[in-house]
């Protein structure tokens, strides 16, 4: 599991990136396996930590970002809703904004941190419970992290109209700091409990 988390963060460094060609008929061709693949196959490669790049077969342009976005749209249409509507609206609102160039790096760091925290928490819980994980896939922790990320995204768009009675930036920052401190405290207690055994 720890290896999977590392692979998800940075791709599998031991294996070369797979070249995928997209043809005009929308078919995707895996040049390594010499076979056609689907978006679902590419999603499986991402989950397995296998890196790939997608190129338009006619022009040679790299279109990896567009294909990954298409995979997300497909997953969301199947009911696998990871991206809350307010987050999507905030993200769309940042296109063309002066902070647009900061957002990709911020999201990359935030998701990397989220993956590391989830893996550490899973390991701590399994050690504390002798291999039994009462939280399954840590769905509640995922929801909390997503909510925290949504709130953090509002800091990138300070000129977004606020709803009546919405907290000010300083109050919101203080609240985020308090939540982060509480989460860190919980992790510290879990680690101490694990060491005591």
C-alpha atoms as a PDB file:
ATOM      1  CA  UNK A   1       0.000   0.000   0.000  1.00  0.00           C
ATOM      2  CA  UNK A   2       2.805   2.433   0.855  1.00  0.00           C
ATOM      3  CA  UNK A   3       4.391   1.641  -2.503  1.00  0.00           C
ATOM      4  CA  UNK A   4       1.070   2.326  -4.259  1.00  0.00           C
ATOM      5  CA  UNK A   5       0.828   5.736  -2.570  1.00  0.00           C
ATOM      6  CA  UNK A   6       4.362   6.596  -3.715  1.00  0.00           C
ATOM      7  CA  UNK A   7       3.512   5.476  -7.231  1.00  0.00           C
ATOM      8  CA  UNK A   8       0.299   7.523  -7.278  1.00  0.00           C
ATOM      9  CA  UNK A   9       2.190  10.655  -6.187  1.00  0.00           C
ATOM     10  CA  UNK A  10       4.983  10.591  -8.686  1.00  0.00           C
ATOM     11  CA  UNK A  11       4.314   7.731 -11.059  1.00  0.00           C
ATOM     12  CA  UNK A  12       6.296   4.523 -11.204  1.00  0.00           C
ATOM     13  CA  UNK A  13       9.872   5.694 -11.692  1.00  0.00           C
ATOM     14  CA  UNK A  14      11.222   2.184 -12.455  1.00  0.00           C
ATOM     15  CA  UNK A  15       9.177   1.779 -15.640  1.00  0.00           C
ATOM     16  CA  UNK A  16       9.394   4.105 -18.654  1.00  0.00           C
ATOM     17  CA  UNK A  17       6.413   6.239 -19.560  1.00  0.00           C
ATOM     18  CA  UNK A  18       3.998   4.475 -21.903  1.00  0.00           C
ATOM     19  CA  UNK A  19       3.197   6.270 -25.151  1.00  0.00           C
ATOM     20  CA  UNK A  20      -0.483   6.293 -26.036  1.00  0.00           C
ATOM     21  CA  UNK A  21      -1.590   7.510 -29.474  1.00  0.00           C
ATOM     22  CA  UNK A  22      -5.046   8.928 -30.038  1.00  0.00           C
ATOM     23  CA  UNK A  23      -6.417   8.549 -33.529  1.00  0.00           C
ATOM     24  CA  UNK A  24      -9.045  10.621 -35.349  1.00  0.00           C
ATOM     25  CA  UNK A  25     -11.650   7.925 -34.702  1.00  0.00           C
ATOM     26  CA  UNK A  26     -11.082   8.585 -30.940  1.00  0.00           C
ATOM     27  CA  UNK A  27      -9.390   5.231 -30.442  1.00  0.00           C
ATOM     28  CA  UNK A  28      -6.443   5.069 -28.067  1.00  0.00           C
ATOM     29  CA  UNK A  29      -3.481   2.865 -28.934  1.00  0.00           C
ATOM     30  CA  UNK A  30      -0.973   1.642 -26.317  1.00  0.00           C
ATOM     31  CA  UNK A  31       2.347   1.441 -28.173  1.00  0.00           C
ATOM     32  CA  UNK A  32       3.958  -0.642 -25.410  1.00  0.00           C
ATOM     33  CA  UNK A  33       1.315  -3.383 -25.458  1.00  0.00           C
ATOM     34  CA  UNK A  34       0.531  -2.927 -29.178  1.00  0.00           C
ATOM     35  CA  UNK A  35      -3.185  -2.869 -28.466  1.00  0.00           C
ATOM     36  CA  UNK A  36      -6.107  -0.501 -28.299  1.00  0.00           C
ATOM     37  CA  UNK A  37      -7.136   0.687 -24.856  1.00  0.00           C
ATOM     38  CA  UNK A  38     -10.090   2.490 -23.326  1.00  0.00           C
ATOM     39  CA  UNK A  39     -10.301   5.417 -20.935  1.00  0.00           C
ATOM     40  CA  UNK A  40     -11.077   2.839 -18.243  1.00  0.00           C
ATOM     41  CA  UNK A  41      -7.803   1.043 -19.030  1.00  0.00           C
ATOM     42  CA  UNK A  42      -5.923   4.342 -18.699  1.00  0.00           C
ATOM     43  CA  UNK A  43      -7.661   5.015 -15.375  1.00  0.00           C
ATOM     44  CA  UNK A  44      -6.442   1.604 -14.210  1.00  0.00           C
ATOM     45  CA  UNK A  45      -2.897   2.526 -15.241  1.00  0.00           C
ATOM     46  CA  UNK A  46      -3.133   5.729 -13.182  1.00  0.00           C
ATOM     47  CA  UNK A  47      -4.361   3.790 -10.148  1.00  0.00           C
ATOM     48  CA  UNK A  48      -1.501   1.310 -10.572  1.00  0.00           C
ATOM     49  CA  UNK A  49       0.961   4.207 -10.662  1.00  0.00           C
ATOM     50  CA  UNK A  50       1.978   3.624 -14.295  1.00  0.00           C
ATOM     51  CA  UNK A  51       2.963   6.822 -16.081  1.00  0.00           C
ATOM     52  CA  UNK A  52       1.825   7.490 -19.636  1.00  0.00           C
ATOM     53  CA  UNK A  53       1.706  10.309 -22.157  1.00  0.00           C
ATOM     54  CA  UNK A  54      -0.977  10.672 -24.816  1.00  0.00           C
ATOM     55  CA  UNK A  55      -0.193  12.116 -28.244  1.00  0.00           C
ATOM     56  CA  UNK A  56      -2.445  13.022 -31.144  1.00  0.00           C
ATOM     57  CA  UNK A  57      -1.487  10.496 -33.839  1.00  0.00           C
ATOM     58  CA  UNK A  58      -1.928  13.005 -36.669  1.00  0.00           C
ATOM     59  CA  UNK A  59      -0.312  16.169 -35.282  1.00  0.00           C
ATOM     60  CA  UNK A  60       2.020  14.675 -32.662  1.00  0.00           C
ATOM     61  CA  UNK A  61       0.768  17.166 -30.054  1.00  0.00           C
ATOM     62  CA  UNK A  62       0.734  15.960 -26.465  1.00  0.00           C
ATOM     63  CA  UNK A  63      -2.867  15.780 -25.210  1.00  0.00           C
ATOM     64  CA  UNK A  64      -2.336  13.977 -21.889  1.00  0.00           C
ATOM     65  CA  UNK A  65      -4.048  16.712 -19.838  1.00  0.00           C
ATOM     66  CA  UNK A  66      -7.177  16.610 -22.021  1.00  0.00           C
ATOM     67  CA  UNK A  67      -7.381  12.796 -21.811  1.00  0.00           C
ATOM     68  CA  UNK A  68      -6.897  12.798 -18.011  1.00  0.00           C
ATOM     69  CA  UNK A  69      -9.646  15.419 -17.748  1.00  0.00           C
ATOM     70  CA  UNK A  70     -11.853  13.201 -19.914  1.00  0.00           C
ATOM     71  CA  UNK A  71     -11.204  10.286 -17.524  1.00  0.00           C
ATOM     72  CA  UNK A  72     -12.326  12.459 -14.599  1.00  0.00           C
ATOM     73  CA  UNK A  73     -15.505  13.428 -16.481  1.00  0.00           C
ATOM     74  CA  UNK A  74     -16.195   9.734 -17.193  1.00  0.00           C
ATOM     75  CA  UNK A  75     -15.667   8.766 -13.528  1.00  0.00           C
ATOM     76  CA  UNK A  76     -17.906  11.611 -12.346  1.00  0.00           C
ATOM     77  CA  UNK A  77     -20.648  10.560 -14.788  1.00  0.00           C
ATOM     78  CA  UNK A  78     -20.594   7.040 -13.279  1.00  0.00           C
ATOM     79  CA  UNK A  79     -21.536   8.496  -9.895  1.00  0.00           C
ATOM     80  CA  UNK A  80     -17.975   8.490  -8.532  1.00  0.00           C
ATOM     81  CA  UNK A  81     -18.353  12.092  -7.368  1.00  0.00           C
ATOM     82  CA  UNK A  82     -15.090  13.314  -5.839  1.00  0.00           C
ATOM     83  CA  UNK A  83     -15.328  16.933  -6.904  1.00  0.00           C
ATOM     84  CA  UNK A  84     -17.994  18.929  -5.066  1.00  0.00           C
ATOM     85  CA  UNK A  85     -19.905  21.537  -7.076  1.00  0.00           C
ATOM     86  CA  UNK A  86     -18.614  24.513  -5.023  1.00  0.00           C
ATOM     87  CA  UNK A  87     -15.024  23.362  -5.624  1.00  0.00           C
ATOM     88  CA  UNK A  88     -15.633  23.041  -9.378  1.00  0.00           C
ATOM     89  CA  UNK A  89     -17.167  26.528  -9.488  1.00  0.00           C
ATOM     90  CA  UNK A  90     -14.207  27.991  -7.599  1.00  0.00           C
ATOM     91  CA  UNK A  91     -11.786  26.217  -9.900  1.00  0.00           C
ATOM     92  CA  UNK A  92     -13.568  27.508 -13.019  1.00  0.00           C
ATOM     93  CA  UNK A  93     -13.601  31.001 -11.496  1.00  0.00           C
ATOM     94  CA  UNK A  94      -9.812  30.936 -11.208  1.00  0.00           C
ATOM     95  CA  UNK A  95      -9.293  30.583 -14.970  1.00  0.00           C
ATOM     96  CA  UNK A  96      -8.067  33.951 -16.225  1.00  0.00           C
ATOM     97  CA  UNK A  97      -7.519  35.194 -12.657  1.00  0.00           C
ATOM     98  CA  UNK A  98      -4.182  36.744 -11.672  1.00  0.00           C
ATOM     99  CA  UNK A  99      -3.412  33.758  -9.413  1.00  0.00           C
ATOM    100  CA  UNK A 100      -4.142  31.170 -12.103  1.00  0.00           C
ATOM    101  CA  UNK A 101      -0.455  30.297 -12.471  1.00  0.00           C
ATOM    102  CA  UNK A 102      -0.199  29.443  -8.743  1.00  0.00           C
ATOM    103  CA  UNK A 103      -3.157  27.077  -8.658  1.00  0.00           C
ATOM    104  CA  UNK A 104      -1.659  24.009 -10.430  1.00  0.00           C
ATOM    105  CA  UNK A 105       1.366  23.872  -8.116  1.00  0.00           C
ATOM    106  CA  UNK A 106      -0.836  24.463  -5.057  1.00  0.00           C
ATOM    107  CA  UNK A 107      -3.201  21.644  -6.033  1.00  0.00           C
ATOM    108  CA  UNK A 108      -0.264  19.329  -6.772  1.00  0.00           C
ATOM    109  CA  UNK A 109       1.261  19.985  -3.325  1.00  0.00           C
ATOM    110  CA  UNK A 110      -2.123  19.728  -1.571  1.00  0.00           C
ATOM    111  CA  UNK A 111      -2.988  16.397  -3.204  1.00  0.00           C
ATOM    112  CA  UNK A 112       0.506  15.017  -2.521  1.00  0.00           C
ATOM    113  CA  UNK A 113       0.161  16.002   1.116  1.00  0.00           C
ATOM    114  CA  UNK A 114      -3.317  14.477   1.261  1.00  0.00           C
ATOM    115  CA  UNK A 115      -2.044  11.166  -0.151  1.00  0.00           C
ATOM    116  CA  UNK A 116       0.847  11.049   2.342  1.00  0.00           C
ATOM    117  CA  UNK A 117      -1.434  11.871   5.305  1.00  0.00           C
ATOM    118  CA  UNK A 118      -3.995   9.265   4.270  1.00  0.00           C
ATOM    119  CA  UNK A 119      -1.299   6.608   3.932  1.00  0.00           C
ATOM    120  CA  UNK A 120       0.292   7.507   7.296  1.00  0.00           C
ATOM    121  CA  UNK A 121      -3.074   7.465   9.016  1.00  0.00           C
ATOM    122  CA  UNK A 122      -3.985   4.125   7.457  1.00  0.00           C
ATOM    123  CA  UNK A 123      -0.677   2.610   8.566  1.00  0.00           C
ATOM    124  CA  UNK A 124      -1.032   4.019  12.095  1.00  0.00           C
ATOM    125  CA  UNK A 125      -4.567   2.676  12.428  1.00  0.00           C
ATOM    126  CA  UNK A 126      -3.602  -0.754  11.131  1.00  0.00           C
ATOM    127  CA  UNK A 127      -0.658  -0.921  13.542  1.00  0.00           C
ATOM    128  CA  UNK A 128      -2.781   0.251  16.455  1.00  0.00           C
ATOM    129  CA  UNK A 129      -5.538  -2.241  15.649  1.00  0.00           C
ATOM    130  CA  UNK A 130      -3.253  -5.143  14.811  1.00  0.00           C
ATOM    131  CA  UNK A 131      -3.944  -4.975  11.082  1.00  0.00           C
ATOM    132  CA  UNK A 132      -7.660  -4.196  11.412  1.00  0.00           C
ATOM    133  CA  UNK A 133      -8.714  -0.847   9.936  1.00  0.00           C
ATOM    134  CA  UNK A 134     -12.096   0.270  11.343  1.00  0.00           C
ATOM    135  CA  UNK A 135     -12.288   3.196   8.942  1.00  0.00           C
ATOM    136  CA  UNK A 136     -12.088   1.175   5.739  1.00  0.00           C
ATOM    137  CA  UNK A 137     -11.092   3.659   3.076  1.00  0.00           C
ATOM    138  CA  UNK A 138     -11.027   6.625   5.485  1.00  0.00           C
ATOM    139  CA  UNK A 139     -14.023   8.170   3.776  1.00  0.00           C
ATOM    140  CA  UNK A 140     -14.653  10.642   6.592  1.00  0.00           C
ATOM    141  CA  UNK A 141     -11.038  11.838   6.587  1.00  0.00           C
ATOM    142  CA  UNK A 142     -11.273  12.263   2.827  1.00  0.00           C
ATOM    143  CA  UNK A 143     -14.391  14.407   3.186  1.00  0.00           C
ATOM    144  CA  UNK A 144     -12.709  16.586   5.818  1.00  0.00           C
ATOM    145  CA  UNK A 145      -9.599  17.031   3.684  1.00  0.00           C
ATOM    146  CA  UNK A 146     -11.713  17.916   0.648  1.00  0.00           C
ATOM    147  CA  UNK A 147     -13.669  20.495   2.677  1.00  0.00           C
ATOM    148  CA  UNK A 148     -10.413  21.978   3.950  1.00  0.00           C
ATOM    149  CA  UNK A 149      -9.083  22.160   0.380  1.00  0.00           C
ATOM    150  CA  UNK A 150     -12.271  23.907  -0.779  1.00  0.00           C
ATOM    151  CA  UNK A 151     -11.929  26.500   1.970  1.00  0.00           C
ATOM    152  CA  UNK A 152      -8.275  27.019   1.096  1.00  0.00           C
ATOM    153  CA  UNK A 153      -9.235  27.577  -2.557  1.00  0.00           C
ATOM    154  CA  UNK A 154     -11.380  30.537  -1.525  1.00  0.00           C
ATOM    155  CA  UNK A 155      -8.188  32.251  -0.380  1.00  0.00           C
ATOM    156  CA  UNK A 156      -6.988  32.311  -3.993  1.00  0.00           C
ATOM    157  CA  UNK A 157     -10.009  34.316  -5.053  1.00  0.00           C
ATOM    158  CA  UNK A 158     -10.355  37.152  -2.517  1.00  0.00           C
ATOM    159  CA  UNK A 159     -12.628  39.167  -4.798  1.00  0.00           C
ATOM    160  CA  UNK A 160     -15.282  36.496  -5.118  1.00  0.00           C
ATOM    161  CA  UNK A 161     -18.594  37.879  -3.850  1.00  0.00           C
ATOM    162  CA  UNK A 162     -19.303  36.529  -0.396  1.00  0.00           C
ATOM    163  CA  UNK A 163     -22.644  35.320   0.874  1.00  0.00           C
ATOM    164  CA  UNK A 164     -24.366  37.325   3.571  1.00  0.00           C
ATOM    165  CA  UNK A 165     -22.799  36.560   6.953  1.00  0.00           C
ATOM    166  CA  UNK A 166     -19.749  34.729   5.513  1.00  0.00           C
ATOM    167  CA  UNK A 167     -16.637  34.840   7.745  1.00  0.00           C
ATOM    168  CA  UNK A 168     -13.811  37.220   6.851  1.00  0.00           C
ATOM    169  CA  UNK A 169     -10.446  35.990   5.546  1.00  0.00           C
ATOM    170  CA  UNK A 170      -8.655  36.355   8.897  1.00  0.00           C
ATOM    171  CA  UNK A 171     -11.356  34.375  10.696  1.00  0.00           C
ATOM    172  CA  UNK A 172     -11.298  31.720   7.987  1.00  0.00           C
ATOM    173  CA  UNK A 173      -7.486  31.441   8.165  1.00  0.00           C
ATOM    174  CA  UNK A 174      -7.640  31.120  11.949  1.00  0.00           C
ATOM    175  CA  UNK A 175     -10.276  28.426  11.666  1.00  0.00           C
ATOM    176  CA  UNK A 176      -8.160  26.533   9.094  1.00  0.00           C
ATOM    177  CA  UNK A 177      -5.127  26.774  11.382  1.00  0.00           C
ATOM    178  CA  UNK A 178      -7.170  25.412  14.279  1.00  0.00           C
ATOM    179  CA  UNK A 179      -8.439  22.491  12.146  1.00  0.00           C
ATOM    180  CA  UNK A 180      -4.904  21.725  10.981  1.00  0.00           C
ATOM    181  CA  UNK A 181      -3.607  21.824  14.567  1.00  0.00           C
ATOM    182  CA  UNK A 182      -6.413  19.491  15.696  1.00  0.00           C
ATOM    183  CA  UNK A 183      -5.635  17.053  12.879  1.00  0.00           C
ATOM    184  CA  UNK A 184      -1.922  17.126  13.731  1.00  0.00           C
ATOM    185  CA  UNK A 185      -2.760  16.529  17.384  1.00  0.00           C
ATOM    186  CA  UNK A 186      -4.911  13.511  16.459  1.00  0.00           C
ATOM    187  CA  UNK A 187      -2.092  12.076  14.349  1.00  0.00           C
ATOM    188  CA  UNK A 188       0.388  12.611  17.196  1.00  0.00           C
ATOM    189  CA  UNK A 189      -1.934  10.812  19.630  1.00  0.00           C
ATOM    190  CA  UNK A 190      -2.359   7.927  17.181  1.00  0.00           C
ATOM    191  CA  UNK A 191       1.411   7.641  16.787  1.00  0.00           C
ATOM    192  CA  UNK A 192       1.959   7.746  20.553  1.00  0.00           C
ATOM    193  CA  UNK A 193      -0.691   5.072  21.073  1.00  0.00           C
ATOM    194  CA  UNK A 194       0.994   2.892  18.452  1.00  0.00           C
ATOM    195  CA  UNK A 195       4.453   3.310  20.062  1.00  0.00           C
ATOM    196  CA  UNK A 196       3.081   2.510  23.537  1.00  0.00           C
ATOM    197  CA  UNK A 197       2.012  -0.929  22.344  1.00  0.00           C
END
